[in-house]
Amino acid sequence: MRILGIDPGLASTGVGIIERHGETWRQVVARDVRTAPSASMPARLQRIYDLVEGCIREFSPDAVSIESVFTAKNIRTAILMAHGRGAAILAASNAKIPVFEYSPAEIKSSVAGKGSASKTQVMQMVKVLLALPGLPENDHQADALACALTHAFRAKLREQLAGQPAGEMNEAKLLLAQARRGRRRR
């Protein structure tokens, strides 16, 4: 199974693909694209679309995991991020690949153990979880890989839950219940 993680943004979008090797996950590729503020909006969105579409064409992921829009103090930042997300989601949709969305706090919590983890903590944990020889090239690639790992971990929980008799409470159900409670509090 291969998962394409996307850290969307208009100024910079990161992508990372992981694949399962037995019980572990390994990085296949990590890339990013930066767009110039002086470029036209269509040109910037085309670069993001081309990055995601190229990764899909080259590596054939089974699922796409993307960071959801967060509530930003700066509305303009949130809107610009949403533009980049739209281009990335369109590329996945055109390829008929299912798209799963996770909040920044869910992603940080999944890989670093707390939703308020710093960029450095996320980068370190991505390095450890994927057994990388060094840190990812930048935080956009690290966040994309973390997003892919979040989907991998959530998919494993769903698999574990599917095989359990109704009513049986196990560790996977407890973790899923905690995640759901955390989502409702926001």
N, C-alpha and C. Protein backbone atom coordinates (compact mmCIF):
# COMPACT_ATOMS: atom_id res chain seq x y z
N MET A 1 0.84 -1.18 0.00
CA MET A 1 0.00 0.00 0.00
C MET A 1 0.88 1.24 0.00
N ARG A 2 0.52 2.21 -0.81
CA ARG A 2 1.23 3.48 -0.87
C ARG A 2 0.27 4.61 -0.53
N ILE A 3 0.76 5.57 0.25
CA ILE A 3 -0.03 6.72 0.65
C ILE A 3 0.72 7.99 0.28
N LEU A 4 0.02 8.90 -0.39
CA LEU A 4 0.57 10.20 -0.73
C LEU A 4 0.07 11.20 0.29
N GLY A 5 0.98 11.79 1.04
CA GLY A 5 0.64 12.84 1.99
C GLY A 5 0.92 14.19 1.38
N ILE A 6 0.05 15.15 1.67
CA ILE A 6 0.20 16.50 1.10
C ILE A 6 0.10 17.54 2.20
N ASP A 7 1.09 18.42 2.24
CA ASP A 7 1.08 19.61 3.10
C ASP A 7 0.80 20.78 2.17
N PRO A 8 -0.47 21.20 2.06
CA PRO A 8 -0.83 22.19 1.04
C PRO A 8 -0.57 23.62 1.46
N GLY A 9 -0.31 24.42 0.48
CA GLY A 9 -0.15 25.85 0.68
C GLY A 9 0.04 26.49 -0.67
N LEU A 10 -0.19 27.75 -0.77
CA LEU A 10 0.00 28.42 -2.05
C LEU A 10 1.47 28.78 -2.26
N ALA A 11 2.14 29.26 -1.22
CA ALA A 11 3.56 29.62 -1.33
C ALA A 11 4.43 28.38 -1.46
N SER A 12 4.08 27.32 -0.73
CA SER A 12 4.86 26.08 -0.76
C SER A 12 3.95 24.90 -0.46
N THR A 13 4.04 23.88 -1.27
CA THR A 13 3.30 22.64 -1.05
C THR A 13 4.30 21.50 -1.00
N GLY A 14 4.19 20.68 0.02
CA GLY A 14 5.05 19.51 0.16
C GLY A 14 4.26 18.25 -0.10
N VAL A 15 4.92 17.25 -0.68
CA VAL A 15 4.32 15.94 -0.88
C VAL A 15 5.29 14.88 -0.39
N GLY A 16 4.74 13.79 0.11
CA GLY A 16 5.56 12.68 0.55
C GLY A 16 4.80 11.39 0.35
N ILE A 17 5.46 10.40 -0.19
CA ILE A 17 4.83 9.09 -0.39
C ILE A 17 5.53 8.08 0.49
N ILE A 18 4.70 7.30 1.19
CA ILE A 18 5.23 6.21 2.01
C ILE A 18 4.60 4.91 1.52
N GLU A 19 5.28 3.80 1.79
CA GLU A 19 4.70 2.49 1.48
C GLU A 19 5.01 1.53 2.59
N ARG A 20 4.12 0.55 2.71
CA ARG A 20 4.24 -0.44 3.77
C ARG A 20 5.27 -1.49 3.40
N HIS A 21 6.13 -1.80 4.37
CA HIS A 21 7.10 -2.90 4.27
C HIS A 21 6.88 -3.77 5.50
N GLY A 22 6.06 -4.80 5.35
CA GLY A 22 5.71 -5.62 6.50
C GLY A 22 4.90 -4.81 7.48
N GLU A 23 5.39 -4.65 8.69
CA GLU A 23 4.69 -3.87 9.71
C GLU A 23 5.20 -2.44 9.81
N THR A 24 6.17 -2.08 8.97
CA THR A 24 6.73 -0.73 9.04
C THR A 24 6.41 0.05 7.76
N TRP A 25 6.66 1.33 7.83
CA TRP A 25 6.45 2.22 6.68
C TRP A 25 7.77 2.85 6.29
N ARG A 26 7.99 3.00 5.01
CA ARG A 26 9.22 3.59 4.48
C ARG A 26 8.88 4.71 3.50
N GLN A 27 9.74 5.71 3.45
CA GLN A 27 9.57 6.80 2.50
C GLN A 27 9.91 6.32 1.10
N VAL A 28 9.05 6.65 0.15
CA VAL A 28 9.32 6.40 -1.26
C VAL A 28 9.94 7.65 -1.86
N VAL A 29 9.30 8.79 -1.61
CA VAL A 29 9.79 10.06 -2.14
C VAL A 29 9.22 11.21 -1.32
N ALA A 30 9.94 12.32 -1.30
CA ALA A 30 9.44 13.56 -0.70
C ALA A 30 9.90 14.70 -1.60
N ARG A 31 8.96 15.58 -1.92
CA ARG A 31 9.24 16.71 -2.80
C ARG A 31 8.45 17.92 -2.33
N ASP A 32 8.78 19.05 -2.87
CA ASP A 32 7.97 20.24 -2.62
C ASP A 32 8.13 21.20 -3.79
N VAL A 33 7.18 22.11 -3.87
CA VAL A 33 7.23 23.14 -4.90
C VAL A 33 6.95 24.47 -4.21
N ARG A 34 7.68 25.48 -4.61
CA ARG A 34 7.47 26.83 -4.10
C ARG A 34 6.99 27.69 -5.26
N THR A 35 6.02 28.53 -4.96
CA THR A 35 5.50 29.41 -6.01
C THR A 35 5.77 30.86 -5.62
N ALA A 36 6.10 31.66 -6.60
CA ALA A 36 6.43 33.06 -6.35
C ALA A 36 5.16 33.90 -6.20
N PRO A 37 5.13 34.75 -5.19
CA PRO A 37 3.97 35.64 -5.02
C PRO A 37 3.73 36.52 -6.24
N SER A 38 4.77 36.79 -7.00
CA SER A 38 4.63 37.63 -8.18
C SER A 38 3.98 36.90 -9.37
N ALA A 39 3.92 35.57 -9.30
CA ALA A 39 3.31 34.78 -10.37
C ALA A 39 1.79 34.89 -10.29
N SER A 40 1.13 34.67 -11.41
CA SER A 40 -0.34 34.73 -11.41
C SER A 40 -0.91 33.56 -10.61
N MET A 41 -2.11 33.74 -10.09
CA MET A 41 -2.77 32.67 -9.34
C MET A 41 -2.90 31.40 -10.18
N PRO A 42 -3.37 31.47 -11.43
CA PRO A 42 -3.47 30.24 -12.23
C PRO A 42 -2.11 29.54 -12.40
N ALA A 43 -1.05 30.30 -12.58
CA ALA A 43 0.28 29.70 -12.75
C ALA A 43 0.73 29.01 -11.46
N ARG A 44 0.45 29.62 -10.32
CA ARG A 44 0.83 29.02 -9.03
C ARG A 44 0.05 27.72 -8.79
N LEU A 45 -1.25 27.77 -9.06
CA LEU A 45 -2.08 26.57 -8.86
C LEU A 45 -1.67 25.46 -9.82
N GLN A 46 -1.29 25.81 -11.03
CA GLN A 46 -0.85 24.81 -12.01
C GLN A 46 0.41 24.09 -11.53
N ARG A 47 1.33 24.82 -10.92
CA ARG A 47 2.56 24.19 -10.39
C ARG A 47 2.23 23.19 -9.29
N ILE A 48 1.29 23.53 -8.43
CA ILE A 48 0.89 22.62 -7.35
C ILE A 48 0.20 21.39 -7.94
N TYR A 49 -0.73 21.64 -8.86
CA TYR A 49 -1.43 20.53 -9.53
C TYR A 49 -0.42 19.60 -10.20
N ASP A 50 0.54 20.17 -10.92
CA ASP A 50 1.53 19.37 -11.65
C ASP A 50 2.38 18.54 -10.71
N LEU A 51 2.75 19.08 -9.54
CA LEU A 51 3.52 18.32 -8.56
C LEU A 51 2.75 17.10 -8.10
N VAL A 52 1.50 17.31 -7.68
CA VAL A 52 0.68 16.21 -7.16
C VAL A 52 0.36 15.21 -8.27
N GLU A 53 -0.05 15.70 -9.43
CA GLU A 53 -0.40 14.81 -10.54
C GLU A 53 0.82 14.00 -10.99
N GLY A 54 1.99 14.62 -11.02
CA GLY A 54 3.22 13.91 -11.40
C GLY A 54 3.56 12.80 -10.42
N CYS A 55 3.40 13.06 -9.13
CA CYS A 55 3.65 12.02 -8.12
C CYS A 55 2.66 10.87 -8.25
N ILE A 56 1.41 11.21 -8.53
CA ILE A 56 0.39 10.18 -8.70
C ILE A 56 0.72 9.32 -9.91
N ARG A 57 1.07 9.97 -11.00
CA ARG A 57 1.39 9.24 -12.24
C ARG A 57 2.63 8.36 -12.06
N GLU A 58 3.65 8.88 -11.38
CA GLU A 58 4.91 8.16 -11.23
C GLU A 58 4.87 7.05 -10.19
N PHE A 59 4.13 7.25 -9.09
CA PHE A 59 4.20 6.32 -7.96
C PHE A 59 2.90 5.57 -7.65
N SER A 60 1.81 5.89 -8.30
CA SER A 60 0.52 5.20 -8.14
C SER A 60 0.11 4.95 -6.69
N PRO A 61 -0.10 6.01 -5.92
CA PRO A 61 -0.54 5.79 -4.53
C PRO A 61 -1.97 5.24 -4.48
N ASP A 62 -2.28 4.55 -3.39
CA ASP A 62 -3.61 3.98 -3.18
C ASP A 62 -4.56 4.96 -2.49
N ALA A 63 -3.99 5.92 -1.77
CA ALA A 63 -4.79 6.91 -1.04
C ALA A 63 -4.01 8.21 -0.95
N VAL A 64 -4.76 9.30 -0.79
CA VAL A 64 -4.16 10.61 -0.59
C VAL A 64 -4.62 11.13 0.77
N SER A 65 -3.68 11.63 1.53
CA SER A 65 -3.95 12.19 2.85
C SER A 65 -3.50 13.65 2.81
N ILE A 66 -4.41 14.55 3.13
CA ILE A 66 -4.09 15.98 3.02
C ILE A 66 -4.48 16.71 4.30
N GLU A 67 -3.68 17.71 4.63
CA GLU A 67 -3.97 18.53 5.81
C GLU A 67 -5.20 19.38 5.52
N SER A 68 -6.13 19.41 6.46
CA SER A 68 -7.34 20.22 6.29
C SER A 68 -7.03 21.68 6.59
N VAL A 69 -7.93 22.55 6.16
CA VAL A 69 -7.77 23.97 6.43
C VAL A 69 -7.98 24.18 7.92
N PHE A 70 -7.08 24.89 8.52
CA PHE A 70 -7.20 25.19 9.94
C PHE A 70 -7.76 26.59 10.10
N THR A 71 -8.24 26.90 11.28
CA THR A 71 -8.72 28.24 11.55
C THR A 71 -7.51 29.11 11.84
N ALA A 72 -7.23 30.00 10.94
CA ALA A 72 -6.06 30.86 11.08
C ALA A 72 -6.46 32.20 11.65
N LYS A 73 -5.53 32.81 12.35
CA LYS A 73 -5.77 34.17 12.83
C LYS A 73 -5.85 35.11 11.63
N ASN A 74 -5.09 34.78 10.60
CA ASN A 74 -5.07 35.59 9.39
C ASN A 74 -5.95 34.91 8.34
N ILE A 75 -7.08 35.48 8.06
CA ILE A 75 -8.04 34.91 7.11
C ILE A 75 -7.41 34.76 5.73
N ARG A 76 -6.60 35.74 5.34
CA ARG A 76 -5.94 35.70 4.02
C ARG A 76 -5.07 34.44 3.90
N THR A 77 -4.35 34.10 4.95
CA THR A 77 -3.50 32.91 4.94
C THR A 77 -4.34 31.66 4.73
N ALA A 78 -5.46 31.56 5.43
CA ALA A 78 -6.34 30.40 5.29
C ALA A 78 -6.90 30.30 3.87
N ILE A 79 -7.26 31.41 3.30
CA ILE A 79 -7.81 31.40 1.93
C ILE A 79 -6.75 30.98 0.93
N LEU A 80 -5.53 31.49 1.09
CA LEU A 80 -4.45 31.12 0.17
C LEU A 80 -4.13 29.63 0.29
N MET A 81 -4.12 29.12 1.53
CA MET A 81 -3.88 27.69 1.72
C MET A 81 -4.99 26.87 1.04
N ALA A 82 -6.21 27.35 1.14
CA ALA A 82 -7.34 26.63 0.54
C ALA A 82 -7.19 26.54 -0.97
N HIS A 83 -6.64 27.56 -1.60
CA HIS A 83 -6.40 27.51 -3.04
C HIS A 83 -5.45 26.36 -3.37
N GLY A 84 -4.35 26.26 -2.65
CA GLY A 84 -3.39 25.18 -2.88
C GLY A 84 -3.99 23.80 -2.63
N ARG A 85 -4.79 23.70 -1.57
CA ARG A 85 -5.49 22.43 -1.27
C ARG A 85 -6.40 22.03 -2.42
N GLY A 86 -7.11 23.02 -2.96
CA GLY A 86 -8.03 22.73 -4.06
C GLY A 86 -7.31 22.14 -5.26
N ALA A 87 -6.17 22.71 -5.62
CA ALA A 87 -5.40 22.19 -6.77
C ALA A 87 -4.93 20.77 -6.50
N ALA A 88 -4.47 20.51 -5.27
CA ALA A 88 -3.98 19.17 -4.92
C ALA A 88 -5.13 18.15 -4.90
N ILE A 89 -6.26 18.53 -4.33
CA ILE A 89 -7.41 17.62 -4.27
C ILE A 89 -7.94 17.33 -5.67
N LEU A 90 -7.94 18.33 -6.54
CA LEU A 90 -8.38 18.12 -7.92
C LEU A 90 -7.50 17.09 -8.63
N ALA A 91 -6.19 17.15 -8.42
CA ALA A 91 -5.29 16.18 -9.04
C ALA A 91 -5.62 14.76 -8.57
N ALA A 92 -5.87 14.60 -7.28
CA ALA A 92 -6.23 13.27 -6.75
C ALA A 92 -7.59 12.83 -7.27
N SER A 93 -8.54 13.74 -7.31
CA SER A 93 -9.88 13.41 -7.79
C SER A 93 -9.85 12.99 -9.25
N ASN A 94 -9.09 13.70 -10.07
CA ASN A 94 -8.98 13.34 -11.48
C ASN A 94 -8.38 11.95 -11.68
N ALA A 95 -7.53 11.53 -10.73
CA ALA A 95 -6.91 10.20 -10.79
C ALA A 95 -7.78 9.14 -10.11
N LYS A 96 -8.93 9.56 -9.58
CA LYS A 96 -9.87 8.64 -8.91
C LYS A 96 -9.25 7.95 -7.68
N ILE A 97 -8.47 8.73 -6.93
CA ILE A 97 -7.84 8.22 -5.71
C ILE A 97 -8.58 8.81 -4.52
N PRO A 98 -8.94 7.98 -3.52
CA PRO A 98 -9.66 8.51 -2.36
C PRO A 98 -8.80 9.50 -1.58
N VAL A 99 -9.45 10.57 -1.11
CA VAL A 99 -8.77 11.62 -0.37
C VAL A 99 -9.28 11.63 1.07
N PHE A 100 -8.34 11.66 2.02
CA PHE A 100 -8.66 11.70 3.44
C PHE A 100 -8.04 12.96 4.02
N GLU A 101 -8.79 13.64 4.89
CA GLU A 101 -8.34 14.91 5.45
C GLU A 101 -8.13 14.79 6.95
N TYR A 102 -7.04 15.42 7.44
CA TYR A 102 -6.71 15.42 8.86
C TYR A 102 -6.29 16.82 9.27
N SER A 103 -6.70 17.23 10.45
CA SER A 103 -6.34 18.55 10.95
C SER A 103 -4.86 18.57 11.34
N PRO A 104 -4.27 19.76 11.38
CA PRO A 104 -2.87 19.85 11.80
C PRO A 104 -2.64 19.23 13.18
N ALA A 105 -3.58 19.44 14.11
CA ALA A 105 -3.43 18.87 15.45
C ALA A 105 -3.49 17.34 15.43
N GLU A 106 -4.37 16.77 14.60
CA GLU A 106 -4.43 15.31 14.47
C GLU A 106 -3.12 14.76 13.93
N ILE A 107 -2.55 15.44 12.95
CA ILE A 107 -1.30 14.99 12.34
C ILE A 107 -0.17 15.04 13.36
N LYS A 108 -0.04 16.16 14.06
CA LYS A 108 1.02 16.30 15.06
C LYS A 108 0.84 15.27 16.17
N SER A 109 -0.39 15.07 16.60
CA SER A 109 -0.66 14.10 17.65
C SER A 109 -0.33 12.67 17.21
N SER A 110 -0.64 12.35 15.97
CA SER A 110 -0.38 11.00 15.46
C SER A 110 1.11 10.67 15.40
N VAL A 111 1.92 11.64 15.01
CA VAL A 111 3.35 11.33 14.85
C VAL A 111 4.20 11.74 16.04
N ALA A 112 3.81 12.79 16.76
CA ALA A 112 4.65 13.28 17.85
C ALA A 112 4.03 13.10 19.23
N GLY A 113 2.77 12.65 19.27
CA GLY A 113 2.15 12.38 20.56
C GLY A 113 1.40 13.55 21.18
N LYS A 114 1.52 14.74 20.58
CA LYS A 114 0.76 15.88 21.10
C LYS A 114 0.43 16.82 19.96
N GLY A 115 -0.78 17.35 20.00
CA GLY A 115 -1.27 18.20 18.94
C GLY A 115 -0.59 19.55 18.83
N SER A 116 0.20 19.91 19.84
CA SER A 116 0.90 21.19 19.82
C SER A 116 2.39 21.02 19.56
N ALA A 117 2.78 19.87 19.01
CA ALA A 117 4.21 19.60 18.74
C ALA A 117 4.79 20.65 17.81
N SER A 118 6.06 20.93 18.00
CA SER A 118 6.75 21.91 17.15
C SER A 118 7.15 21.28 15.82
N LYS A 119 7.51 22.13 14.86
CA LYS A 119 7.98 21.65 13.56
C LYS A 119 9.19 20.74 13.74
N THR A 120 10.09 21.10 14.64
CA THR A 120 11.29 20.29 14.89
C THR A 120 10.92 18.92 15.44
N GLN A 121 9.97 18.88 16.36
CA GLN A 121 9.54 17.59 16.92
C GLN A 121 8.91 16.71 15.84
N VAL A 122 8.09 17.30 14.98
CA VAL A 122 7.48 16.54 13.88
C VAL A 122 8.56 16.00 12.96
N MET A 123 9.53 16.84 12.59
CA MET A 123 10.61 16.39 11.71
C MET A 123 11.39 15.23 12.34
N GLN A 124 11.69 15.34 13.62
CA GLN A 124 12.44 14.27 14.31
C GLN A 124 11.65 12.97 14.32
N MET A 125 10.36 13.06 14.62
CA MET A 125 9.55 11.84 14.68
C MET A 125 9.35 11.21 13.30
N VAL A 126 9.22 12.03 12.26
CA VAL A 126 9.13 11.49 10.89
C VAL A 126 10.41 10.73 10.57
N LYS A 127 11.54 11.31 10.94
CA LYS A 127 12.83 10.63 10.73
C LYS A 127 12.85 9.27 11.42
N VAL A 128 12.42 9.24 12.66
CA VAL A 128 12.43 7.99 13.44
C VAL A 128 11.41 6.98 12.89
N LEU A 129 10.19 7.43 12.67
CA LEU A 129 9.12 6.52 12.24
C LEU A 129 9.37 5.91 10.86
N LEU A 130 10.06 6.65 9.99
CA LEU A 130 10.34 6.14 8.65
C LEU A 130 11.77 5.62 8.51
N ALA A 131 12.52 5.62 9.62
CA ALA A 131 13.91 5.15 9.63
C ALA A 131 14.74 5.86 8.56
N LEU A 132 14.61 7.19 8.50
CA LEU A 132 15.36 7.98 7.53
C LEU A 132 16.78 8.20 8.03
N PRO A 133 17.75 8.30 7.13
CA PRO A 133 19.13 8.54 7.56
C PRO A 133 19.35 9.94 8.14
N GLY A 134 18.49 10.89 7.76
CA GLY A 134 18.57 12.26 8.27
C GLY A 134 17.19 12.87 8.30
N LEU A 135 17.13 14.11 8.73
CA LEU A 135 15.85 14.81 8.76
C LEU A 135 15.35 15.05 7.34
N PRO A 136 14.04 15.16 7.15
CA PRO A 136 13.53 15.55 5.83
C PRO A 136 14.14 16.87 5.42
N GLU A 137 14.16 17.12 4.12
CA GLU A 137 14.81 18.31 3.57
C GLU A 137 14.27 19.62 4.14
N ASN A 138 12.96 19.69 4.35
CA ASN A 138 12.36 20.90 4.92
C ASN A 138 11.06 20.53 5.63
N ASP A 139 10.47 21.51 6.31
CA ASP A 139 9.27 21.22 7.10
C ASP A 139 8.05 20.90 6.23
N HIS A 140 8.00 21.36 4.99
CA HIS A 140 6.88 21.03 4.12
C HIS A 140 6.90 19.55 3.74
N GLN A 141 8.07 19.04 3.43
CA GLN A 141 8.19 17.61 3.13
C GLN A 141 7.93 16.78 4.39
N ALA A 142 8.44 17.23 5.53
CA ALA A 142 8.19 16.51 6.79
C ALA A 142 6.71 16.47 7.12
N ASP A 143 6.02 17.60 6.94
CA ASP A 143 4.59 17.64 7.24
C ASP A 143 3.80 16.74 6.28
N ALA A 144 4.22 16.68 5.03
CA ALA A 144 3.54 15.80 4.07
C ALA A 144 3.73 14.33 4.46
N LEU A 145 4.94 13.98 4.85
CA LEU A 145 5.20 12.60 5.29
C LEU A 145 4.42 12.29 6.57
N ALA A 146 4.34 13.27 7.48
CA ALA A 146 3.56 13.10 8.71
C ALA A 146 2.09 12.90 8.40
N CYS A 147 1.59 13.61 7.41
CA CYS A 147 0.19 13.47 6.99
C CYS A 147 -0.05 12.06 6.45
N ALA A 148 0.88 11.55 5.65
CA ALA A 148 0.75 10.19 5.13
C ALA A 148 0.80 9.17 6.27
N LEU A 149 1.70 9.38 7.23
CA LEU A 149 1.78 8.47 8.38
C LEU A 149 0.49 8.49 9.19
N THR A 150 -0.11 9.65 9.35
CA THR A 150 -1.37 9.75 10.09
C THR A 150 -2.43 8.87 9.44
N HIS A 151 -2.52 8.92 8.13
CA HIS A 151 -3.50 8.07 7.46
C HIS A 151 -3.15 6.60 7.64
N ALA A 152 -1.88 6.27 7.58
CA ALA A 152 -1.45 4.87 7.77
C ALA A 152 -1.86 4.38 9.16
N PHE A 153 -1.62 5.21 10.17
CA PHE A 153 -1.97 4.81 11.54
C PHE A 153 -3.48 4.71 11.71
N ARG A 154 -4.23 5.64 11.13
CA ARG A 154 -5.69 5.60 11.24
C ARG A 154 -6.26 4.40 10.48
N ALA A 155 -5.67 4.07 9.33
CA ALA A 155 -6.13 2.91 8.56
C ALA A 155 -5.90 1.63 9.36
N LYS A 156 -4.78 1.56 10.08
CA LYS A 156 -4.51 0.38 10.90
C LYS A 156 -5.54 0.26 12.02
N LEU A 157 -5.91 1.39 12.62
CA LEU A 157 -6.95 1.36 13.66
C LEU A 157 -8.27 0.86 13.08
N ARG A 158 -8.61 1.36 11.88
CA ARG A 158 -9.87 0.92 11.26
C ARG A 158 -9.84 -0.58 10.98
N GLU A 159 -8.69 -1.10 10.53
CA GLU A 159 -8.55 -2.55 10.29
C GLU A 159 -8.74 -3.33 11.58
N GLN A 160 -8.12 -2.84 12.65
CA GLN A 160 -8.23 -3.53 13.94
C GLN A 160 -9.67 -3.52 14.44
N LEU A 161 -10.35 -2.40 14.26
CA LEU A 161 -11.73 -2.30 14.70
C LEU A 161 -12.65 -3.21 13.89
N ALA A 162 -12.37 -3.34 12.61
CA ALA A 162 -13.22 -4.16 11.74
C ALA A 162 -13.20 -5.63 12.14
N GLY A 163 -12.10 -6.09 12.70
CA GLY A 163 -11.98 -7.50 13.07
C GLY A 163 -12.44 -7.83 14.48
N GLN A 164 -12.97 -6.86 15.21
CA GLN A 164 -13.36 -7.08 16.60
C GLN A 164 -14.85 -7.40 16.72
N PRO A 165 -15.21 -8.30 17.62
CA PRO A 165 -16.63 -8.55 17.87
C PRO A 165 -17.30 -7.29 18.40
N ALA A 166 -18.57 -7.12 18.07
CA ALA A 166 -19.32 -5.94 18.51
C ALA A 166 -19.27 -5.83 20.03
N GLY A 167 -19.06 -4.63 20.51
CA GLY A 167 -19.08 -4.39 21.94
C GLY A 167 -17.76 -4.62 22.64
N GLU A 168 -16.81 -5.28 22.01
CA GLU A 168 -15.53 -5.54 22.66
C GLU A 168 -14.68 -4.28 22.63
N MET A 169 -14.21 -3.84 23.78
CA MET A 169 -13.40 -2.63 23.86
C MET A 169 -11.94 -3.04 23.88
N ASN A 170 -11.20 -2.59 22.90
CA ASN A 170 -9.77 -2.87 22.87
C ASN A 170 -9.01 -1.55 22.76
N GLU A 171 -7.70 -1.63 22.70
CA GLU A 171 -6.87 -0.43 22.66
C GLU A 171 -7.19 0.43 21.44
N ALA A 172 -7.41 -0.19 20.30
CA ALA A 172 -7.72 0.57 19.08
C ALA A 172 -9.00 1.37 19.25
N LYS A 173 -10.04 0.75 19.83
CA LYS A 173 -11.30 1.46 20.03
C LYS A 173 -11.13 2.61 21.02
N LEU A 174 -10.32 2.40 22.05
CA LEU A 174 -10.08 3.47 23.01
C LEU A 174 -9.39 4.65 22.34
N LEU A 175 -8.38 4.37 21.52
CA LEU A 175 -7.67 5.45 20.83
C LEU A 175 -8.59 6.19 19.87
N LEU A 176 -9.40 5.45 19.16
CA LEU A 176 -10.32 6.08 18.22
C LEU A 176 -11.35 6.92 18.95
N ALA A 177 -11.85 6.42 20.07
CA ALA A 177 -12.82 7.18 20.87
C ALA A 177 -12.19 8.46 21.40
N GLN A 178 -10.93 8.38 21.85
CA GLN A 178 -10.25 9.57 22.34
C GLN A 178 -10.08 10.60 21.22
N ALA A 179 -9.73 10.13 20.04
CA ALA A 179 -9.55 11.05 18.90
C ALA A 179 -10.86 11.74 18.56
N ARG A 180 -11.94 10.99 18.57
CA ARG A 180 -13.25 11.58 18.27
C ARG A 180 -13.67 12.60 19.31
N ARG A 181 -13.44 12.30 20.60
CA ARG A 181 -13.76 13.24 21.67
C ARG A 181 -12.95 14.52 21.50
N GLY A 182 -11.68 14.39 21.14
CA GLY A 182 -10.82 15.55 20.94
C GLY A 182 -11.32 16.42 19.81
N ARG A 183 -11.85 15.80 18.74
CA ARG A 183 -12.36 16.55 17.60
C ARG A 183 -13.59 17.36 17.98
N ARG A 184 -14.46 16.82 18.84
CA ARG A 184 -15.69 17.49 19.22
C ARG A 184 -15.43 18.71 20.09
N ARG A 185 -14.31 18.73 20.82
CA ARG A 185 -14.01 19.83 21.75
C ARG A 185 -13.62 21.09 21.03
N ARG A 186 -13.16 21.01 19.81
CA ARG A 186 -12.66 22.19 19.10
C ARG A 186 -13.73 23.17 18.76
